[in-house]
């Protein structure tokens, strides 16, 4: 029973994407509404602050209007949208570097997440700040696997690489973090 409900849900999602690709404004609006929280949450984890995450989420929503025509259905729409979001985050970060501004440190792992012990909270913030300082591929792999709780296979699909490559990036990140902390 659960499997057929998942299949119906997947079919409905595919139909919604297809309608949006054909220019159905109501379908496009529904698609953005259904995925906006995921876009924002992902951007927040990569950017580390609400203002930049809001900028990225708005940018992705605007880009999606023209980019949806490029979605070919070879991957899940959500995986493709992760990639669009990550590219937008990178664009923002490059722009900030060109402007000479630095991205703020990642202050907490997720919105609303609070630790009882202030020392533990500081350690967690330092860990995520160190993760954000990793090379792009290592940072992306760690955030997708640990912050987004995706499988290595799903992370690989989003990153456009093999599952073993994601595992290698996570391993390399762990080694680098041991040296940083």
N, C-alpha and C. Protein backbone atom coordinates (compact mmCIF):
# COMPACT_ATOMS: atom_id res chain seq x y z
N UNK A 1 0.83 -1.19 0.00
CA UNK A 1 0.00 0.00 0.00
C UNK A 1 0.88 1.25 0.00
N UNK A 2 1.91 1.26 0.85
CA UNK A 2 2.78 2.43 0.95
C UNK A 2 3.51 2.66 -0.37
N UNK A 3 3.95 1.57 -1.00
CA UNK A 3 4.68 1.67 -2.25
C UNK A 3 3.82 2.32 -3.33
N UNK A 4 2.55 1.95 -3.42
CA UNK A 4 1.68 2.53 -4.45
C UNK A 4 1.42 4.01 -4.16
N UNK A 5 1.34 4.39 -2.89
CA UNK A 5 1.16 5.80 -2.54
C UNK A 5 2.39 6.61 -2.94
N UNK A 6 3.58 6.03 -2.72
CA UNK A 6 4.82 6.71 -3.13
C UNK A 6 4.88 6.85 -4.64
N UNK A 7 4.43 5.81 -5.36
CA UNK A 7 4.43 5.87 -6.83
C UNK A 7 3.46 6.93 -7.31
N UNK A 8 2.29 7.03 -6.68
CA UNK A 8 1.32 8.05 -7.06
C UNK A 8 1.87 9.44 -6.79
N UNK A 9 2.53 9.60 -5.65
CA UNK A 9 3.13 10.88 -5.28
C UNK A 9 4.22 11.27 -6.28
N UNK A 10 5.06 10.31 -6.66
CA UNK A 10 6.13 10.57 -7.63
C UNK A 10 5.53 10.92 -8.99
N UNK A 11 4.48 10.22 -9.38
CA UNK A 11 3.83 10.51 -10.66
C UNK A 11 3.20 11.91 -10.64
N UNK A 12 2.59 12.29 -9.52
CA UNK A 12 2.00 13.62 -9.40
C UNK A 12 3.08 14.69 -9.47
N UNK A 13 4.22 14.44 -8.83
CA UNK A 13 5.33 15.40 -8.86
C UNK A 13 5.86 15.55 -10.29
N UNK A 14 6.02 14.43 -11.00
CA UNK A 14 6.48 14.48 -12.38
C UNK A 14 5.50 15.24 -13.27
N UNK A 15 4.22 15.02 -13.04
CA UNK A 15 3.20 15.72 -13.83
C UNK A 15 3.25 17.23 -13.56
N UNK A 16 3.46 17.59 -12.30
CA UNK A 16 3.55 19.01 -11.93
C UNK A 16 4.76 19.66 -12.62
N UNK A 17 5.89 18.98 -12.62
CA UNK A 17 7.09 19.49 -13.28
C UNK A 17 6.84 19.63 -14.78
N UNK A 18 6.22 18.62 -15.37
CA UNK A 18 5.93 18.66 -16.82
C UNK A 18 5.02 19.84 -17.16
N UNK A 19 4.00 20.07 -16.34
CA UNK A 19 3.10 21.21 -16.58
C UNK A 19 3.87 22.53 -16.45
N UNK A 20 4.74 22.63 -15.46
CA UNK A 20 5.52 23.86 -15.26
C UNK A 20 6.46 24.07 -16.44
N UNK A 21 7.06 23.00 -16.95
CA UNK A 21 7.96 23.11 -18.11
C UNK A 21 7.22 23.60 -19.35
N UNK A 22 5.94 23.27 -19.45
CA UNK A 22 5.13 23.70 -20.59
C UNK A 22 4.61 25.12 -20.43
N UNK A 23 4.94 25.77 -19.31
CA UNK A 23 4.54 27.17 -19.13
C UNK A 23 3.30 27.38 -18.29
N UNK A 24 2.81 26.35 -17.62
CA UNK A 24 1.64 26.48 -16.75
C UNK A 24 2.06 27.26 -15.49
N UNK A 25 1.61 28.52 -15.39
CA UNK A 25 2.02 29.40 -14.30
C UNK A 25 1.57 28.88 -12.94
N UNK A 26 0.38 28.31 -12.86
CA UNK A 26 -0.11 27.77 -11.59
C UNK A 26 0.74 26.59 -11.13
N UNK A 27 1.13 25.74 -12.07
CA UNK A 27 1.99 24.59 -11.74
C UNK A 27 3.36 25.08 -11.29
N UNK A 28 3.89 26.09 -11.97
CA UNK A 28 5.19 26.64 -11.58
C UNK A 28 5.11 27.23 -10.17
N UNK A 29 4.07 27.98 -9.89
CA UNK A 29 3.90 28.57 -8.55
C UNK A 29 3.82 27.47 -7.49
N UNK A 30 3.07 26.42 -7.77
CA UNK A 30 2.95 25.31 -6.82
C UNK A 30 4.30 24.63 -6.62
N UNK A 31 5.05 24.45 -7.69
CA UNK A 31 6.37 23.82 -7.62
C UNK A 31 7.31 24.64 -6.73
N UNK A 32 7.34 25.95 -6.92
CA UNK A 32 8.19 26.81 -6.11
C UNK A 32 7.73 26.78 -4.65
N UNK A 33 6.43 26.84 -4.43
CA UNK A 33 5.90 26.81 -3.07
C UNK A 33 6.27 25.51 -2.35
N UNK A 34 6.15 24.40 -3.05
CA UNK A 34 6.45 23.10 -2.45
C UNK A 34 7.94 22.91 -2.15
N UNK A 35 8.81 23.57 -2.90
CA UNK A 35 10.25 23.35 -2.74
C UNK A 35 10.99 24.52 -2.10
N UNK A 36 10.31 25.63 -1.82
CA UNK A 36 10.98 26.82 -1.30
C UNK A 36 11.69 26.54 0.02
N UNK A 37 11.03 25.82 0.94
CA UNK A 37 11.66 25.54 2.24
C UNK A 37 12.95 24.73 2.07
N UNK A 38 12.95 23.76 1.17
CA UNK A 38 14.15 22.96 0.92
C UNK A 38 15.25 23.85 0.33
N UNK A 39 14.90 24.72 -0.59
CA UNK A 39 15.88 25.63 -1.19
C UNK A 39 16.49 26.52 -0.11
N UNK A 40 15.64 27.12 0.71
CA UNK A 40 16.11 28.02 1.77
C UNK A 40 16.98 27.27 2.78
N UNK A 41 16.50 26.12 3.23
CA UNK A 41 17.23 25.33 4.23
C UNK A 41 18.61 24.93 3.70
N UNK A 42 18.67 24.51 2.46
CA UNK A 42 19.94 24.13 1.85
C UNK A 42 20.86 25.34 1.75
N UNK A 43 20.34 26.46 1.28
CA UNK A 43 21.15 27.68 1.16
C UNK A 43 21.65 28.13 2.53
N UNK A 44 20.81 28.01 3.56
CA UNK A 44 21.22 28.42 4.90
C UNK A 44 22.38 27.57 5.40
N UNK A 45 22.32 26.29 5.15
CA UNK A 45 23.39 25.40 5.62
C UNK A 45 24.70 25.72 4.92
N UNK A 46 24.65 26.13 3.67
CA UNK A 46 25.86 26.44 2.94
C UNK A 46 26.35 27.86 3.22
N UNK A 47 25.42 28.80 3.36
CA UNK A 47 25.80 30.21 3.55
C UNK A 47 26.07 30.55 5.01
N UNK A 48 25.30 29.97 5.90
CA UNK A 48 25.51 30.22 7.32
C UNK A 48 24.76 31.40 7.88
N UNK A 49 24.00 32.11 7.06
CA UNK A 49 23.21 33.21 7.62
C UNK A 49 21.92 33.38 6.83
N UNK A 50 20.94 33.91 7.53
CA UNK A 50 19.58 34.02 6.96
C UNK A 50 19.50 34.95 5.76
N UNK A 51 20.18 36.07 5.85
CA UNK A 51 20.12 37.06 4.77
C UNK A 51 20.61 36.47 3.44
N UNK A 52 21.77 35.82 3.46
CA UNK A 52 22.29 35.20 2.24
C UNK A 52 21.40 34.05 1.79
N UNK A 53 20.89 33.28 2.73
CA UNK A 53 20.00 32.16 2.37
C UNK A 53 18.74 32.68 1.69
N UNK A 54 18.19 33.78 2.19
CA UNK A 54 17.00 34.38 1.57
C UNK A 54 17.34 34.86 0.15
N UNK A 55 18.52 35.49 0.00
CA UNK A 55 18.94 35.95 -1.33
C UNK A 55 19.05 34.79 -2.31
N UNK A 56 19.66 33.71 -1.84
CA UNK A 56 19.83 32.53 -2.70
C UNK A 56 18.47 31.92 -3.04
N UNK A 57 17.61 31.78 -2.05
CA UNK A 57 16.28 31.18 -2.30
C UNK A 57 15.49 32.01 -3.30
N UNK A 58 15.56 33.32 -3.17
CA UNK A 58 14.86 34.18 -4.13
C UNK A 58 15.49 34.07 -5.51
N UNK A 59 16.82 34.05 -5.56
CA UNK A 59 17.53 33.92 -6.83
C UNK A 59 17.18 32.61 -7.53
N UNK A 60 17.17 31.51 -6.76
CA UNK A 60 16.83 30.21 -7.33
C UNK A 60 15.39 30.22 -7.85
N UNK A 61 14.49 30.80 -7.10
CA UNK A 61 13.08 30.86 -7.52
C UNK A 61 12.95 31.61 -8.84
N UNK A 62 13.70 32.69 -8.98
CA UNK A 62 13.66 33.47 -10.22
C UNK A 62 14.32 32.70 -11.36
N UNK A 63 15.51 32.12 -11.11
CA UNK A 63 16.22 31.36 -12.13
C UNK A 63 15.41 30.15 -12.58
N UNK A 64 14.67 29.59 -11.67
CA UNK A 64 13.90 28.39 -11.96
C UNK A 64 12.91 28.61 -13.11
N UNK A 65 12.42 29.85 -13.24
CA UNK A 65 11.46 30.15 -14.30
C UNK A 65 12.02 29.83 -15.68
N UNK A 66 13.30 30.15 -15.90
CA UNK A 66 13.89 29.83 -17.20
C UNK A 66 14.64 28.50 -17.18
N UNK A 67 15.19 28.14 -16.04
CA UNK A 67 15.99 26.92 -15.95
C UNK A 67 15.15 25.65 -16.01
N UNK A 68 13.89 25.74 -15.66
CA UNK A 68 13.07 24.52 -15.64
C UNK A 68 12.99 23.89 -17.02
N UNK A 69 13.13 24.69 -18.06
CA UNK A 69 13.11 24.14 -19.42
C UNK A 69 14.33 23.25 -19.66
N UNK A 70 15.39 23.44 -18.87
CA UNK A 70 16.61 22.63 -19.02
C UNK A 70 16.53 21.30 -18.27
N UNK A 71 15.55 21.17 -17.39
CA UNK A 71 15.40 19.92 -16.64
C UNK A 71 14.95 18.83 -17.61
N UNK A 72 15.77 17.79 -17.73
CA UNK A 72 15.48 16.74 -18.72
C UNK A 72 14.89 15.47 -18.12
N UNK A 73 14.74 15.41 -16.80
CA UNK A 73 14.11 14.26 -16.18
C UNK A 73 15.02 13.07 -15.96
N UNK A 74 16.32 13.19 -16.27
CA UNK A 74 17.23 12.06 -16.06
C UNK A 74 17.48 11.81 -14.58
N UNK A 75 17.29 12.83 -13.76
CA UNK A 75 17.45 12.67 -12.30
C UNK A 75 16.14 13.10 -11.66
N UNK A 76 16.05 12.91 -10.36
CA UNK A 76 14.88 13.40 -9.64
C UNK A 76 14.89 14.92 -9.68
N UNK A 77 13.72 15.51 -9.74
CA UNK A 77 13.63 16.97 -9.77
C UNK A 77 14.30 17.57 -8.53
N UNK A 78 14.09 16.96 -7.36
CA UNK A 78 14.69 17.49 -6.13
C UNK A 78 16.21 17.46 -6.19
N UNK A 79 16.79 16.43 -6.78
CA UNK A 79 18.25 16.35 -6.93
C UNK A 79 18.74 17.45 -7.86
N UNK A 80 18.05 17.66 -8.96
CA UNK A 80 18.40 18.71 -9.90
C UNK A 80 18.29 20.08 -9.22
N UNK A 81 17.24 20.27 -8.42
CA UNK A 81 17.02 21.53 -7.74
C UNK A 81 18.11 21.78 -6.69
N UNK A 82 18.58 20.74 -6.02
CA UNK A 82 19.72 20.88 -5.10
C UNK A 82 20.91 21.45 -5.87
N UNK A 83 21.17 20.88 -7.04
CA UNK A 83 22.30 21.33 -7.84
C UNK A 83 22.16 22.79 -8.24
N UNK A 84 20.97 23.18 -8.66
CA UNK A 84 20.71 24.59 -9.02
C UNK A 84 20.95 25.48 -7.80
N UNK A 85 20.48 25.03 -6.64
CA UNK A 85 20.66 25.79 -5.40
C UNK A 85 22.13 25.91 -5.04
N UNK A 86 22.88 24.82 -5.10
CA UNK A 86 24.31 24.86 -4.79
C UNK A 86 25.07 25.77 -5.74
N UNK A 87 24.70 25.74 -7.01
CA UNK A 87 25.34 26.64 -7.98
C UNK A 87 25.06 28.09 -7.64
N UNK A 88 23.85 28.37 -7.21
CA UNK A 88 23.50 29.73 -6.83
C UNK A 88 24.27 30.17 -5.58
N UNK A 89 24.43 29.26 -4.63
CA UNK A 89 25.23 29.55 -3.43
C UNK A 89 26.66 29.89 -3.85
N UNK A 90 27.23 29.08 -4.73
CA UNK A 90 28.61 29.32 -5.18
C UNK A 90 28.72 30.66 -5.90
N UNK A 91 27.72 30.98 -6.72
CA UNK A 91 27.72 32.28 -7.41
C UNK A 91 27.73 33.43 -6.41
N UNK A 92 26.90 33.32 -5.38
CA UNK A 92 26.86 34.35 -4.35
C UNK A 92 28.19 34.46 -3.63
N UNK A 93 28.78 33.31 -3.28
CA UNK A 93 30.05 33.32 -2.57
C UNK A 93 31.16 33.92 -3.42
N UNK A 94 31.18 33.60 -4.71
CA UNK A 94 32.19 34.19 -5.59
C UNK A 94 32.00 35.70 -5.68
N UNK A 95 30.75 36.13 -5.77
CA UNK A 95 30.46 37.57 -5.84
C UNK A 95 30.92 38.26 -4.56
N UNK A 96 30.68 37.64 -3.42
CA UNK A 96 31.09 38.23 -2.15
C UNK A 96 32.61 38.31 -2.05
N UNK A 97 33.29 37.29 -2.54
CA UNK A 97 34.76 37.31 -2.50
C UNK A 97 35.28 38.43 -3.39
N UNK A 98 34.68 38.59 -4.57
CA UNK A 98 35.10 39.67 -5.47
C UNK A 98 34.87 41.03 -4.82
N UNK A 99 33.81 41.13 -4.05
CA UNK A 99 33.51 42.40 -3.37
C UNK A 99 34.34 42.59 -2.11
N UNK A 100 35.09 41.56 -1.73
CA UNK A 100 35.95 41.66 -0.57
C UNK A 100 35.25 41.37 0.75
N UNK A 101 33.99 40.93 0.68
CA UNK A 101 33.28 40.60 1.92
C UNK A 101 33.42 39.12 2.21
N UNK A 102 33.40 38.78 3.46
CA UNK A 102 33.51 37.38 3.88
C UNK A 102 32.15 36.86 4.31
N UNK A 103 31.92 35.58 4.06
CA UNK A 103 30.70 34.91 4.50
C UNK A 103 30.79 34.70 6.01
N UNK A 104 29.69 34.99 6.72
CA UNK A 104 29.67 34.81 8.17
C UNK A 104 29.81 33.34 8.56
N UNK A 105 30.34 33.09 9.77
CA UNK A 105 30.52 31.72 10.26
C UNK A 105 29.16 31.05 10.48
N UNK A 106 29.14 29.76 10.27
CA UNK A 106 27.93 28.97 10.49
C UNK A 106 27.68 28.92 12.00
N UNK A 107 26.60 29.56 12.45
CA UNK A 107 26.40 29.70 13.89
C UNK A 107 25.67 28.52 14.53
N UNK A 108 24.78 27.90 13.82
CA UNK A 108 24.16 26.69 14.36
C UNK A 108 23.83 25.75 13.22
N UNK A 109 23.71 24.50 13.54
CA UNK A 109 23.56 23.46 12.54
C UNK A 109 22.26 23.61 11.76
N UNK A 110 21.18 23.91 12.40
CA UNK A 110 19.91 24.08 11.71
C UNK A 110 19.06 25.08 12.47
N UNK A 111 18.15 25.72 11.77
CA UNK A 111 17.29 26.69 12.42
C UNK A 111 16.52 26.03 13.56
N UNK A 112 16.53 26.69 14.71
CA UNK A 112 15.80 26.17 15.87
C UNK A 112 16.56 25.13 16.66
N UNK A 113 17.74 24.73 16.21
CA UNK A 113 18.50 23.70 16.91
C UNK A 113 19.23 24.35 18.07
N UNK A 114 19.01 23.91 19.28
CA UNK A 114 19.66 24.51 20.45
C UNK A 114 20.27 23.42 21.30
N UNK A 115 21.49 23.65 21.75
CA UNK A 115 22.16 22.72 22.63
C UNK A 115 22.10 23.27 24.05
N UNK A 116 21.94 22.37 25.00
CA UNK A 116 21.81 22.79 26.39
C UNK A 116 23.11 23.36 26.93
N UNK A 117 24.22 22.78 26.58
CA UNK A 117 25.50 23.17 27.11
C UNK A 117 26.17 24.19 26.19
N UNK A 118 26.50 25.37 26.72
CA UNK A 118 27.08 26.43 25.91
C UNK A 118 28.42 26.00 25.31
N UNK A 119 29.22 25.26 26.06
CA UNK A 119 30.52 24.79 25.55
C UNK A 119 30.32 23.86 24.36
N UNK A 120 29.35 22.97 24.47
CA UNK A 120 29.06 22.06 23.35
C UNK A 120 28.57 22.84 22.15
N UNK A 121 27.78 23.88 22.38
CA UNK A 121 27.28 24.72 21.31
C UNK A 121 28.43 25.42 20.59
N UNK A 122 29.39 25.92 21.36
CA UNK A 122 30.55 26.58 20.76
C UNK A 122 31.34 25.58 19.94
N UNK A 123 31.55 24.37 20.45
CA UNK A 123 32.28 23.34 19.73
C UNK A 123 31.57 22.99 18.43
N UNK A 124 30.26 22.85 18.47
CA UNK A 124 29.48 22.54 17.27
C UNK A 124 29.61 23.67 16.25
N UNK A 125 29.51 24.90 16.71
CA UNK A 125 29.65 26.05 15.80
C UNK A 125 31.04 26.06 15.17
N UNK A 126 32.07 25.74 15.95
CA UNK A 126 33.44 25.70 15.42
C UNK A 126 33.58 24.58 14.39
N UNK A 127 32.96 23.45 14.65
CA UNK A 127 33.00 22.33 13.71
C UNK A 127 32.38 22.74 12.38
N UNK A 128 31.19 23.32 12.42
CA UNK A 128 30.52 23.70 11.17
C UNK A 128 31.25 24.84 10.48
N UNK A 129 31.89 25.70 11.24
CA UNK A 129 32.70 26.76 10.63
C UNK A 129 33.88 26.11 9.89
N UNK A 130 34.49 25.10 10.50
CA UNK A 130 35.59 24.39 9.86
C UNK A 130 35.11 23.66 8.61
N UNK A 131 33.92 23.06 8.68
CA UNK A 131 33.36 22.37 7.50
C UNK A 131 33.19 23.36 6.36
N UNK A 132 32.71 24.56 6.68
CA UNK A 132 32.48 25.57 5.65
C UNK A 132 33.78 26.05 5.01
N UNK A 133 34.92 25.85 5.71
CA UNK A 133 36.21 26.27 5.19
C UNK A 133 36.86 25.20 4.31
N UNK A 134 36.28 24.02 4.25
CA UNK A 134 36.83 22.93 3.43
C UNK A 134 36.73 23.28 1.94
N UNK A 135 37.52 22.62 1.11
CA UNK A 135 37.35 22.79 -0.34
C UNK A 135 35.92 22.45 -0.75
N UNK A 136 35.44 23.06 -1.81
CA UNK A 136 34.03 22.95 -2.22
C UNK A 136 33.48 21.53 -2.23
N UNK A 137 34.16 20.61 -2.90
CA UNK A 137 33.62 19.25 -3.05
C UNK A 137 33.54 18.54 -1.69
N UNK A 138 34.55 18.73 -0.85
CA UNK A 138 34.52 18.11 0.48
C UNK A 138 33.41 18.72 1.31
N UNK A 139 33.28 20.04 1.29
CA UNK A 139 32.23 20.72 2.05
C UNK A 139 30.86 20.25 1.58
N UNK A 140 30.66 20.21 0.27
CA UNK A 140 29.37 19.78 -0.26
C UNK A 140 29.03 18.36 0.17
N UNK A 141 30.01 17.46 0.07
CA UNK A 141 29.78 16.06 0.46
C UNK A 141 29.40 15.96 1.93
N UNK A 142 30.13 16.66 2.80
CA UNK A 142 29.84 16.61 4.23
C UNK A 142 28.47 17.19 4.53
N UNK A 143 28.15 18.33 3.95
CA UNK A 143 26.86 18.95 4.23
C UNK A 143 25.69 18.11 3.70
N UNK A 144 25.85 17.53 2.52
CA UNK A 144 24.77 16.71 1.98
C UNK A 144 24.57 15.44 2.80
N UNK A 145 25.68 14.80 3.21
CA UNK A 145 25.59 13.53 3.93
C UNK A 145 25.20 13.74 5.39
N UNK A 146 25.82 14.70 6.05
CA UNK A 146 25.59 14.87 7.49
C UNK A 146 24.52 15.91 7.83
N UNK A 147 24.52 17.05 7.17
CA UNK A 147 23.53 18.08 7.49
C UNK A 147 22.18 17.78 6.85
N UNK A 148 22.21 17.31 5.60
CA UNK A 148 20.96 17.00 4.89
C UNK A 148 20.53 15.56 5.11
N UNK A 149 21.42 14.73 5.67
CA UNK A 149 21.16 13.33 5.96
C UNK A 149 20.78 12.52 4.72
N UNK A 150 21.50 12.81 3.62
CA UNK A 150 21.29 12.07 2.38
C UNK A 150 22.25 10.89 2.32
N UNK A 151 21.89 9.89 1.57
CA UNK A 151 22.79 8.76 1.35
C UNK A 151 23.93 9.22 0.44
N UNK A 152 25.01 8.45 0.43
CA UNK A 152 26.12 8.78 -0.46
C UNK A 152 25.65 8.73 -1.92
N UNK A 153 24.74 7.82 -2.23
CA UNK A 153 24.22 7.71 -3.60
C UNK A 153 23.44 8.96 -3.99
N UNK A 154 22.58 9.45 -3.10
CA UNK A 154 21.80 10.66 -3.39
C UNK A 154 22.72 11.87 -3.49
N UNK A 155 23.71 11.96 -2.61
CA UNK A 155 24.67 13.06 -2.66
C UNK A 155 25.45 13.03 -3.97
N UNK A 156 25.80 11.83 -4.42
CA UNK A 156 26.54 11.69 -5.68
C UNK A 156 25.70 12.20 -6.85
N UNK A 157 24.42 11.89 -6.84
CA UNK A 157 23.55 12.34 -7.91
C UNK A 157 23.49 13.87 -7.94
N UNK A 158 23.40 14.49 -6.77
CA UNK A 158 23.33 15.95 -6.68
C UNK A 158 24.65 16.58 -7.10
N UNK A 159 25.75 15.97 -6.68
CA UNK A 159 27.07 16.52 -6.98
C UNK A 159 27.54 16.18 -8.39
N UNK A 160 26.85 15.27 -9.05
CA UNK A 160 27.22 14.91 -10.42
C UNK A 160 28.49 14.08 -10.49
N UNK A 161 28.63 13.16 -9.52
CA UNK A 161 29.81 12.30 -9.49
C UNK A 161 29.39 10.90 -9.05
N UNK A 162 30.36 10.02 -8.89
CA UNK A 162 30.07 8.66 -8.46
C UNK A 162 29.96 8.59 -6.94
N UNK A 163 29.26 7.58 -6.46
CA UNK A 163 29.08 7.39 -5.02
C UNK A 163 30.43 7.23 -4.32
N UNK A 164 31.35 6.51 -4.94
CA UNK A 164 32.68 6.32 -4.35
C UNK A 164 33.41 7.65 -4.21
N UNK A 165 33.17 8.55 -5.13
CA UNK A 165 33.80 9.87 -5.06
C UNK A 165 33.28 10.65 -3.86
N UNK A 166 31.99 10.55 -3.60
CA UNK A 166 31.41 11.20 -2.42
C UNK A 166 32.06 10.62 -1.17
N UNK A 167 32.18 9.31 -1.11
CA UNK A 167 32.80 8.66 0.05
C UNK A 167 34.23 9.15 0.23
N UNK A 168 34.96 9.30 -0.88
CA UNK A 168 36.32 9.79 -0.80
C UNK A 168 36.35 11.22 -0.26
N UNK A 169 35.44 12.08 -0.77
CA UNK A 169 35.40 13.47 -0.30
C UNK A 169 35.07 13.54 1.19
N UNK A 170 34.16 12.70 1.67
CA UNK A 170 33.83 12.66 3.10
C UNK A 170 35.06 12.22 3.89
N UNK A 171 35.75 11.19 3.41
CA UNK A 171 36.95 10.71 4.09
C UNK A 171 38.02 11.81 4.14
N UNK A 172 38.25 12.46 3.02
CA UNK A 172 39.26 13.54 2.97
C UNK A 172 38.86 14.68 3.89
N UNK A 173 37.58 14.98 3.97
CA UNK A 173 37.10 16.05 4.85
C UNK A 173 37.36 15.69 6.31
N UNK A 174 37.10 14.45 6.67
CA UNK A 174 37.35 14.01 8.05
C UNK A 174 38.82 14.18 8.41
N UNK A 175 39.71 13.79 7.50
CA UNK A 175 41.14 13.95 7.74
C UNK A 175 41.50 15.43 7.91
N UNK A 176 40.97 16.25 7.04
CA UNK A 176 41.27 17.70 7.09
C UNK A 176 40.73 18.30 8.39
N UNK A 177 39.53 17.88 8.79
CA UNK A 177 38.92 18.42 10.01
C UNK A 177 39.72 18.02 11.25
N UNK A 178 40.25 16.80 11.25
CA UNK A 178 41.08 16.39 12.39
C UNK A 178 42.27 17.32 12.54
N UNK A 179 42.83 17.76 11.42
CA UNK A 179 43.95 18.68 11.45
C UNK A 179 43.57 20.09 11.85
N UNK A 180 42.34 20.48 11.55
CA UNK A 180 41.88 21.83 11.85
C UNK A 180 41.40 22.01 13.28
N UNK A 181 40.87 20.92 13.87
CA UNK A 181 40.24 21.06 15.20
C UNK A 181 41.10 20.58 16.32
